[in-house]
Amino acid sequence: MMNQKLAEAIVGCLQLSGASYDFQQLARFSQRDWEQTMGWTDRAGLTLYLLDRLKDCGASGVLPPPVLARFEQNLADNKCRVDHLLYETGCINAKLDQAGVQYVVIKGFSLWPEFCSNPYLRTQCDLDYLVARQSLRSAQNVLLESGYEARRGSDVQIEYERPLQRVPSQYDSPYKIQTTPTVELHLGIWEDMEHHVPLEEPSFTLDSSKLKEWGGLRFPVLSAEDALLLQLLHAFQHLLHYWVKLSWLLEIGYFMQKRRRDSLFWNQFSRRLDTDPQLAEFSAIALELTAKVFSAPMPEIAQQWRQFLRPSVRLWLDNYSRSWALGERPPHKSKVFPDTKLSLFISEEYIPDRRARRDSLRYLLMPWKVPGKSPSVVFAPVENQPGSRLRALRVDSTYTVQRLSCHGGAGLRYLWELPRWRSLTKSTQ
């Protein structure tokens, strides 16, 4: 079980307000505290950002020596992994260009330097492409010819993976080359199949893309306005799915900090949001969550977006957002009754149809399979490994038990908190 106080201290160390931080607070925690919490820092994507902050401030000595050695090894491993992903991206990009595919690279490497100071600090799981609809078939052919196989898909996203050479495990290191990345082809960013929250998909204009260069590779990316909007919607959509990776919020906050005095940019971005009040509200929630967790400086013009926030949403941000964001997420847990599902108080606000709201709540309290989508865990046969099918079945069974335990406990926590939530929001109705 993670040490909640240590998690709070780690997030405190990464604050973006500019205020000084007493790093000796981290020295109060034992090696056992760190060992219990390192899995959480890895899943939150904060391990390498924490190491970088401590080294930059000359405070890495607050870590127990074995913990510091483990973090340094993670960084070395991740550099090799990122270089490998960069090479793989270059190979895919070259074939996409040759096939005449209209695309941009999103997330991942494209976030440097606007959202992160060093790509080696990011634990990147996927290679993401936003593809023009008329180019989708050509892009799919490129991946199939490159040895990838389609795994899961929806109306706006298709995931590809290489055939597995071994049975994966939830304990696989996110920093190792052996942890195979997924390639995702996106036609858009918004999927309402699971959460039933409608939104008119904002247009991300591929025609106005720009070229970025890193590690000797040149690739097309979105404009800064589109990139920020995509990251905000990405974070908010995961909030509706009751989890947000903290490193995503930290990177949004890094962008906010770098652009805090760029009034021209924020005015242009605000005009982009003026076209859709709901788009402005979703973006404002993601920005407010970032400010709550990492003390990111909000632009002055954000006051205009805050007016779109519903009173009940403000209550959730003030009463639940920070503790919710710092919690563990399925299939991992730090409590018997985690607060994972408390984000349903937000999603319920944006489902206009009463029946859809009821059906969505029933599914999200105990999700198993979304109609029209593949199961969450998919294992292709692993060749030349005795007993691999049995190990895959064991991993799948363990995942199912964990999923039942976590979702069941979180559902009970939601029902326990529901009367308090109704009491809080009663005066706003």
Protein backbone atom coordinates (compact mmCIF):
# COMPACT_ATOMS: atom_id res chain seq x y z
CA MET A 1 0.00 0.00 0.00
CA MET A 2 1.40 3.38 -1.06
CA ASN A 3 2.36 5.95 1.58
CA GLN A 4 -0.14 8.77 1.07
CA LYS A 5 1.95 11.33 2.97
CA LEU A 6 4.97 10.57 0.81
CA ALA A 7 2.84 10.93 -2.33
CA GLU A 8 1.72 14.35 -1.08
CA ALA A 9 5.33 15.33 -0.40
CA ILE A 10 6.41 14.25 -3.90
CA VAL A 11 3.69 16.34 -5.51
CA GLY A 12 4.63 19.23 -3.20
CA CYS A 13 8.21 18.97 -4.43
CA LEU A 14 6.99 19.39 -8.03
CA GLN A 15 4.87 22.51 -7.47
CA LEU A 16 4.99 25.14 -10.23
CA SER A 17 4.13 28.21 -8.15
CA GLY A 18 7.77 29.25 -7.86
CA ALA A 19 7.68 29.13 -4.07
CA SER A 20 10.68 27.52 -2.36
CA TYR A 21 10.26 23.98 -1.10
CA ASP A 22 11.95 22.30 1.86
CA PHE A 23 13.29 19.13 0.26
CA GLN A 24 14.31 17.82 3.67
CA GLN A 25 10.67 16.85 4.11
CA LEU A 26 11.40 13.95 1.76
CA ALA A 27 14.26 12.80 4.02
CA ARG A 28 11.75 11.99 6.78
CA PHE A 29 10.53 8.95 4.87
CA SER A 30 12.18 5.57 5.24
CA GLN A 31 13.39 3.31 2.48
CA ARG A 32 10.35 1.11 3.11
CA ASP A 33 8.06 4.12 2.62
CA TRP A 34 9.71 4.76 -0.73
CA GLU A 35 9.53 1.12 -1.78
CA GLN A 36 5.82 1.10 -1.03
CA THR A 37 5.28 4.27 -3.06
CA MET A 38 7.66 3.88 -6.02
CA GLY A 39 5.07 1.89 -7.98
CA TRP A 40 2.69 4.83 -7.62
CA THR A 41 5.32 7.35 -8.79
CA ASP A 42 6.00 5.16 -11.84
CA ARG A 43 2.31 4.85 -12.74
CA ALA A 44 1.82 8.58 -12.14
CA GLY A 45 4.72 9.32 -14.51
CA LEU A 46 6.47 11.41 -11.84
CA THR A 47 9.60 9.37 -11.04
CA LEU A 48 11.97 10.96 -13.55
CA TYR A 49 10.46 14.43 -13.11
CA LEU A 50 11.11 14.11 -9.37
CA LEU A 51 14.69 12.96 -9.92
CA ASP A 52 15.29 15.88 -12.29
CA ARG A 53 13.88 18.40 -9.80
CA LEU A 54 16.00 17.04 -6.95
CA LYS A 55 19.18 17.01 -9.02
CA ASP A 56 18.50 20.48 -10.38
CA CYS A 57 18.18 21.79 -6.80
CA GLY A 58 21.14 19.79 -5.49
CA ALA A 59 18.85 17.82 -3.19
CA SER A 60 19.09 14.25 -4.52
CA GLY A 61 20.77 13.29 -1.23
CA VAL A 62 17.38 13.31 0.52
CA LEU A 63 16.63 9.99 -1.18
CA PRO A 64 17.79 6.75 0.43
CA PRO A 65 20.80 5.52 -1.59
CA PRO A 66 19.02 2.41 -2.97
CA VAL A 67 16.08 4.57 -4.07
CA LEU A 68 18.37 7.10 -5.75
CA ALA A 69 20.21 4.26 -7.51
CA ARG A 70 16.89 2.83 -8.71
CA PHE A 71 15.77 6.22 -10.03
CA GLU A 72 19.09 6.74 -11.83
CA GLN A 73 18.76 3.30 -13.43
CA ASN A 74 15.22 4.15 -14.49
CA LEU A 75 16.52 7.28 -16.21
CA ALA A 76 19.28 5.34 -17.99
CA ASP A 77 16.79 2.68 -19.10
CA ASN A 78 14.30 5.29 -20.25
CA LYS A 79 16.90 7.05 -22.39
CA CYS A 80 17.50 3.79 -24.25
CA ARG A 81 13.76 3.22 -24.58
CA VAL A 82 13.08 6.75 -25.86
CA ASP A 83 15.89 6.44 -28.40
CA HIS A 84 14.35 3.16 -29.54
CA LEU A 85 10.91 4.78 -29.82
CA LEU A 86 12.43 7.67 -31.74
CA TYR A 87 13.99 5.23 -34.21
CA GLU A 88 10.67 3.37 -34.57
CA THR A 89 8.86 6.67 -35.11
CA GLY A 90 11.32 7.63 -37.83
CA CYS A 91 10.74 4.32 -39.63
CA ILE A 92 6.96 4.70 -39.47
CA ASN A 93 7.07 8.37 -40.48
CA ALA A 94 9.19 7.61 -43.53
CA LYS A 95 6.66 5.02 -44.73
CA LEU A 96 3.71 7.33 -43.99
CA ASP A 97 5.38 10.08 -46.02
CA GLN A 98 6.10 7.69 -48.86
CA ALA A 99 2.43 6.59 -48.86
CA GLY A 100 1.25 10.21 -48.99
CA VAL A 101 -0.51 10.03 -45.61
CA GLN A 102 -1.60 13.35 -44.12
CA TYR A 103 -0.76 13.15 -40.40
CA VAL A 104 0.77 14.83 -37.37
CA VAL A 105 2.58 13.30 -34.42
CA ILE A 106 0.68 14.01 -31.20
CA LYS A 107 1.58 13.54 -27.52
CA GLY A 108 4.95 11.85 -26.95
CA PHE A 109 7.90 13.62 -28.61
CA SER A 110 5.64 16.37 -29.93
CA LEU A 111 5.23 17.77 -26.39
CA TRP A 112 8.86 18.91 -26.24
CA PRO A 113 9.79 21.69 -25.50
CA GLU A 114 6.38 23.32 -24.85
CA PHE A 115 5.15 20.77 -22.28
CA CYS A 116 8.38 19.26 -20.96
CA SER A 117 12.01 20.33 -20.73
CA ASN A 118 13.46 16.96 -21.75
CA PRO A 119 11.75 14.06 -23.60
CA TYR A 120 13.90 11.59 -21.65
CA LEU A 121 11.91 12.47 -18.52
CA ARG A 122 8.62 11.24 -20.02
CA THR A 123 7.50 7.63 -19.64
CA GLN A 124 5.99 7.21 -23.08
CA CYS A 125 3.76 4.21 -23.65
CA ASP A 126 2.34 4.89 -27.11
CA LEU A 127 3.21 6.33 -30.50
CA ASP A 128 0.27 8.54 -31.42
CA TYR A 129 -0.71 9.90 -34.82
CA LEU A 130 -3.60 12.15 -35.77
CA VAL A 131 -4.51 11.14 -39.31
CA ALA A 132 -6.76 12.75 -41.90
CA ARG A 133 -9.80 10.53 -42.49
CA GLN A 134 -9.04 10.16 -46.20
CA SER A 135 -5.56 8.87 -45.29
CA LEU A 136 -6.66 6.29 -42.74
CA ARG A 137 -6.60 3.27 -45.06
CA SER A 138 -3.10 4.11 -46.28
CA ALA A 139 -1.87 4.61 -42.70
CA GLN A 140 -3.33 1.24 -41.68
CA ASN A 141 -1.58 -0.47 -44.56
CA VAL A 142 1.73 1.10 -43.50
CA LEU A 143 1.43 -0.35 -40.00
CA LEU A 144 0.35 -3.77 -41.23
CA GLU A 145 3.29 -3.89 -43.65
CA SER A 146 5.57 -2.87 -40.76
CA GLY A 147 4.57 -5.93 -38.74
CA TYR A 148 1.89 -4.39 -36.52
CA GLU A 149 -1.50 -5.98 -35.88
CA ALA A 150 -4.78 -4.26 -35.02
CA ARG A 151 -5.78 -4.92 -31.41
CA ARG A 152 -8.60 -2.56 -30.37
CA GLY A 153 -10.59 0.11 -32.10
CA SER A 154 -13.41 2.62 -31.98
CA ASP A 155 -14.90 5.22 -34.30
CA VAL A 156 -12.04 7.64 -33.69
CA GLN A 157 -9.08 5.48 -32.66
CA ILE A 158 -7.41 2.22 -33.71
CA GLU A 159 -4.62 0.61 -31.69
CA TYR A 160 -1.84 -1.51 -33.20
CA GLU A 161 0.77 -3.69 -31.54
CA ARG A 162 3.49 -6.02 -32.71
CA PRO A 163 2.93 -9.75 -32.06
CA LEU A 164 3.94 -10.46 -28.47
CA GLN A 165 7.22 -12.25 -27.89
CA ARG A 166 6.37 -12.92 -24.24
CA VAL A 167 3.43 -12.75 -21.85
CA PRO A 168 3.17 -9.19 -20.50
CA SER A 169 2.87 -8.46 -16.81
CA GLN A 170 1.48 -5.54 -14.82
CA TYR A 171 4.94 -5.37 -13.24
CA ASP A 172 6.70 -4.70 -16.54
CA SER A 173 8.94 -1.67 -16.19
CA PRO A 174 7.68 1.36 -18.14
CA TYR A 175 11.33 2.30 -18.70
CA LYS A 176 12.54 -0.86 -20.47
CA ILE A 177 12.83 -1.32 -24.22
CA GLN A 178 11.14 -4.72 -23.83
CA THR A 179 7.86 -3.03 -22.79
CA THR A 180 6.34 -2.92 -26.28
CA PRO A 181 4.65 0.36 -27.26
CA THR A 182 1.23 0.63 -28.86
CA VAL A 183 0.80 2.63 -32.06
CA GLU A 184 -2.47 4.57 -32.10
CA LEU A 185 -4.09 6.10 -35.17
CA HIS A 186 -6.51 8.87 -34.20
CA LEU A 187 -9.20 10.44 -36.35
CA GLY A 188 -10.21 12.61 -33.41
CA ILE A 189 -9.77 12.86 -29.67
CA TRP A 190 -13.28 12.68 -28.22
CA GLU A 191 -14.90 9.28 -27.55
CA ASP A 192 -18.29 9.28 -25.84
CA MET A 193 -19.04 5.56 -26.15
CA GLU A 194 -18.14 4.86 -22.52
CA HIS A 195 -19.05 8.08 -20.70
CA HIS A 196 -21.94 9.29 -22.93
CA VAL A 197 -20.83 12.92 -22.57
CA PRO A 198 -21.43 14.61 -25.94
CA LEU A 199 -19.05 17.16 -27.42
CA GLU A 200 -18.76 18.48 -30.91
CA GLU A 201 -15.27 17.42 -31.93
CA PRO A 202 -13.06 20.52 -32.26
CA SER A 203 -11.22 20.77 -35.53
CA PHE A 204 -7.49 20.11 -35.29
CA THR A 205 -6.24 21.52 -38.57
CA LEU A 206 -3.56 19.34 -40.12
CA ASP A 207 -3.05 21.92 -42.85
CA SER A 208 -1.58 24.36 -40.32
CA SER A 209 0.85 21.84 -38.84
CA LYS A 210 4.48 22.77 -38.33
CA LEU A 211 7.70 20.78 -38.47
CA LYS A 212 9.57 19.98 -35.27
CA GLU A 213 13.04 18.45 -34.99
CA TRP A 214 14.41 16.40 -32.12
CA GLY A 215 17.03 13.68 -31.99
CA GLY A 216 17.80 14.10 -35.68
CA LEU A 217 14.17 13.41 -36.64
CA ARG A 218 11.86 15.96 -38.29
CA PHE A 219 8.14 15.38 -37.97
CA PRO A 220 4.89 17.36 -38.34
CA VAL A 221 3.09 18.49 -35.15
CA LEU A 222 0.04 20.57 -34.24
CA SER A 223 0.18 24.28 -33.58
CA ALA A 224 0.63 25.32 -29.94
CA GLU A 225 -3.07 26.21 -29.60
CA ASP A 226 -4.21 22.85 -30.99
CA ALA A 227 -1.66 20.95 -28.91
CA LEU A 228 -2.84 22.57 -25.67
CA LEU A 229 -6.50 22.00 -26.50
CA LEU A 230 -5.81 18.36 -27.32
CA GLN A 231 -3.94 17.84 -24.02
CA LEU A 232 -6.74 19.47 -22.02
CA LEU A 233 -9.44 17.35 -23.65
CA HIS A 234 -7.28 14.26 -23.25
CA ALA A 235 -6.94 14.92 -19.50
CA PHE A 236 -10.62 15.77 -19.05
CA GLN A 237 -11.77 12.69 -20.94
CA HIS A 238 -9.64 10.51 -18.67
CA LEU A 239 -11.20 12.27 -15.69
CA LEU A 240 -14.55 11.02 -16.98
CA HIS A 241 -12.97 7.54 -16.99
CA TYR A 242 -12.01 8.17 -13.32
CA TRP A 243 -8.25 8.51 -13.68
CA VAL A 244 -5.71 11.07 -14.85
CA LYS A 245 -1.98 10.43 -15.05
CA LEU A 246 -0.39 13.13 -12.90
CA SER A 247 2.46 13.71 -15.33
CA TRP A 248 -0.12 14.91 -17.89
CA LEU A 249 -1.24 17.62 -15.46
CA LEU A 250 2.37 18.49 -14.64
CA GLU A 251 3.12 18.92 -18.35
CA ILE A 252 0.05 21.10 -18.87
CA GLY A 253 1.20 23.14 -15.88
CA TYR A 254 4.69 23.43 -17.37
CA PHE A 255 3.10 24.87 -20.53
CA MET A 256 1.03 27.31 -18.45
CA GLN A 257 4.11 28.42 -16.55
CA LYS A 258 6.15 29.03 -19.72
CA ARG A 259 3.30 30.95 -21.39
CA ARG A 260 2.03 32.80 -18.33
CA ARG A 261 3.02 36.22 -19.72
CA ASP A 262 2.13 35.48 -23.35
CA SER A 263 -1.12 37.46 -23.49
CA LEU A 264 -1.25 37.20 -27.30
CA PHE A 265 -1.32 33.39 -27.14
CA TRP A 266 -3.97 33.26 -24.40
CA ASN A 267 -6.19 35.75 -26.22
CA GLN A 268 -6.02 33.62 -29.37
CA PHE A 269 -6.68 30.48 -27.35
CA SER A 270 -9.63 32.14 -25.63
CA ARG A 271 -11.17 33.03 -28.98
CA ARG A 272 -10.85 29.36 -29.89
CA LEU A 273 -12.89 28.42 -26.81
CA ASP A 274 -15.49 31.15 -27.41
CA THR A 275 -16.97 29.08 -30.23
CA ASP A 276 -18.24 26.37 -27.85
CA PRO A 277 -19.13 27.06 -24.18
CA GLN A 278 -18.93 23.35 -23.32
CA LEU A 279 -15.47 23.10 -24.86
CA ALA A 280 -14.47 26.10 -22.73
CA GLU A 281 -15.92 24.43 -19.62
CA PHE A 282 -14.11 21.14 -20.17
CA SER A 283 -10.84 22.98 -20.81
CA ALA A 284 -11.32 25.12 -17.71
CA ILE A 285 -11.87 22.02 -15.55
CA ALA A 286 -8.59 20.49 -16.75
CA LEU A 287 -6.75 23.77 -16.13
CA GLU A 288 -8.30 24.16 -12.67
CA LEU A 289 -7.37 20.58 -11.79
CA THR A 290 -3.79 21.31 -12.86
CA ALA A 291 -3.74 24.43 -10.68
CA LYS A 292 -5.19 22.52 -7.71
CA VAL A 293 -2.60 19.74 -7.89
CA PHE A 294 0.57 21.53 -9.03
CA SER A 295 -0.16 25.21 -8.27
CA ALA A 296 0.24 26.04 -11.96
CA PRO A 297 -0.18 29.78 -12.68
CA MET A 298 -3.55 30.42 -14.33
CA PRO A 299 -3.59 33.03 -17.13
CA GLU A 300 -5.56 36.17 -16.30
CA ILE A 301 -8.01 35.52 -19.11
CA ALA A 302 -8.96 32.23 -17.46
CA GLN A 303 -11.47 34.21 -15.39
CA GLN A 304 -13.59 34.36 -18.54
CA TRP A 305 -13.57 30.56 -18.84
CA ARG A 306 -14.38 30.07 -15.14
CA GLN A 307 -17.75 31.71 -15.68
CA PHE A 308 -18.76 28.63 -17.67
CA LEU A 309 -18.13 26.30 -14.71
CA ARG A 310 -21.28 25.00 -13.09
CA PRO A 311 -21.55 25.59 -9.32
CA SER A 312 -21.57 21.83 -8.70
CA VAL A 313 -18.34 21.46 -10.68
CA ARG A 314 -16.70 24.19 -8.58
CA LEU A 315 -17.77 22.27 -5.48
CA TRP A 316 -16.17 19.09 -6.80
CA LEU A 317 -12.94 20.90 -7.65
CA ASP A 318 -12.81 22.45 -4.17
CA ASN A 319 -13.78 19.35 -2.18
CA TYR A 320 -12.54 16.32 -4.09
CA SER A 321 -10.20 17.09 -6.98
CA ARG A 322 -6.78 17.05 -5.31
CA SER A 323 -7.26 13.94 -3.16
CA TRP A 324 -8.93 12.20 -6.11
CA ALA A 325 -6.05 13.01 -8.47
CA LEU A 326 -3.40 11.71 -6.02
CA GLY A 327 -5.14 8.38 -5.45
CA GLU A 328 -4.33 5.02 -6.98
CA ARG A 329 -6.30 3.78 -9.96
CA PRO A 330 -7.56 0.34 -11.05
CA PRO A 331 -6.27 -2.31 -11.22
CA HIS A 332 -4.00 -0.96 -8.45
CA LYS A 333 -5.33 0.29 -5.16
CA SER A 334 -4.09 1.94 -2.00
CA LYS A 335 -7.35 1.60 -0.05
CA VAL A 336 -10.07 -0.99 0.31
CA PHE A 337 -12.59 1.68 -0.73
CA PRO A 338 -10.69 4.06 -3.06
CA ASP A 339 -12.20 7.36 -4.19
CA THR A 340 -11.73 6.45 -7.87
CA LYS A 341 -15.40 6.68 -8.80
CA LEU A 342 -15.96 10.09 -7.22
CA SER A 343 -15.26 11.63 -10.63
CA LEU A 344 -18.66 10.26 -11.63
CA PHE A 345 -20.11 13.28 -9.83
CA ILE A 346 -18.58 15.30 -12.70
CA SER A 347 -19.61 13.08 -15.61
CA GLU A 348 -23.21 12.94 -14.40
CA GLU A 349 -23.40 16.71 -14.87
CA TYR A 350 -22.81 16.46 -18.62
CA ILE A 351 -25.00 13.56 -19.73
CA PRO A 352 -28.16 15.29 -20.99
CA ASP A 353 -30.36 12.22 -21.38
CA ARG A 354 -31.70 10.75 -18.14
CA ARG A 355 -31.77 7.18 -19.42
CA ALA A 356 -28.24 7.45 -20.83
CA ARG A 357 -27.14 8.90 -17.48
CA ARG A 358 -28.62 5.92 -15.63
CA ASP A 359 -27.11 3.36 -18.05
CA SER A 360 -23.72 5.07 -17.97
CA LEU A 361 -23.69 5.14 -14.17
CA ARG A 362 -24.62 1.45 -14.01
CA TYR A 363 -21.80 0.54 -16.38
CA LEU A 364 -19.15 2.79 -14.84
CA LEU A 365 -19.85 1.55 -11.32
CA MET A 366 -18.96 -1.97 -12.49
CA PRO A 367 -17.50 -1.93 -16.04
CA TRP A 368 -16.74 -5.14 -17.85
CA LYS A 369 -16.99 -4.60 -21.57
CA VAL A 370 -18.03 -1.69 -23.76
CA PRO A 371 -20.34 -2.71 -26.63
CA GLY A 372 -18.44 -2.73 -29.90
CA LYS A 373 -14.99 -2.68 -28.30
CA SER A 374 -12.51 -5.38 -27.48
CA PRO A 375 -11.82 -6.43 -23.89
CA SER A 376 -9.34 -4.32 -21.94
CA VAL A 377 -6.82 -7.16 -21.82
CA VAL A 378 -5.96 -8.88 -25.10
CA PHE A 379 -3.16 -11.43 -25.39
CA ALA A 380 -2.10 -12.80 -28.75
CA PRO A 381 -0.45 -16.21 -28.78
CA VAL A 382 3.22 -16.07 -27.80
CA GLU A 383 5.34 -18.32 -29.95
CA ASN A 384 8.13 -20.64 -28.81
CA GLN A 385 7.49 -20.28 -25.09
CA PRO A 386 6.36 -23.43 -23.24
CA GLY A 387 3.36 -22.79 -21.05
CA SER A 388 2.85 -19.29 -22.45
CA ARG A 389 -0.91 -19.77 -22.90
CA LEU A 390 -1.23 -20.90 -19.28
CA ARG A 391 0.74 -17.86 -18.09
CA ALA A 392 -1.41 -15.56 -20.23
CA LEU A 393 -4.53 -17.10 -18.72
CA ARG A 394 -3.10 -16.63 -15.22
CA VAL A 395 -2.30 -12.96 -15.92
CA ASP A 396 -5.78 -12.41 -17.35
CA SER A 397 -7.42 -14.11 -14.34
CA THR A 398 -5.37 -12.03 -11.89
CA TYR A 399 -6.37 -8.87 -13.73
CA THR A 400 -10.05 -9.87 -13.56
CA VAL A 401 -9.89 -10.47 -9.79
CA GLN A 402 -8.12 -7.14 -9.23
CA ARG A 403 -10.63 -5.37 -11.43
CA LEU A 404 -13.55 -6.83 -9.51
CA SER A 405 -12.00 -5.90 -6.16
CA CYS A 406 -11.08 -2.35 -7.15
CA HIS A 407 -14.28 -1.48 -8.95
CA GLY A 408 -16.40 -3.07 -6.24
CA GLY A 409 -14.66 -1.12 -3.46
CA ALA A 410 -14.71 2.12 -5.42
CA GLY A 411 -18.40 1.65 -6.23
CA LEU A 412 -19.22 1.24 -2.53
CA ARG A 413 -17.18 4.35 -1.74
CA TYR A 414 -19.21 6.28 -4.34
CA LEU A 415 -22.49 5.15 -2.78
CA TRP A 416 -21.19 6.07 0.70
CA GLU A 417 -20.20 9.57 -0.49
CA LEU A 418 -23.37 10.18 -2.50
CA PRO A 419 -25.48 11.61 0.38
CA ARG A 420 -22.74 14.12 1.24
CA TRP A 421 -22.44 15.14 -2.41
CA ARG A 422 -26.18 15.66 -2.67
CA SER A 423 -26.09 17.75 0.48
CA LEU A 424 -23.25 19.90 -0.90
CA THR A 425 -25.01 20.48 -4.22
CA LYS A 426 -28.49 20.98 -2.84
CA SER A 427 -28.07 24.75 -2.56
CA THR A 428 -26.83 24.99 -6.18
CA GLN A 429 -29.84 23.30 -7.80
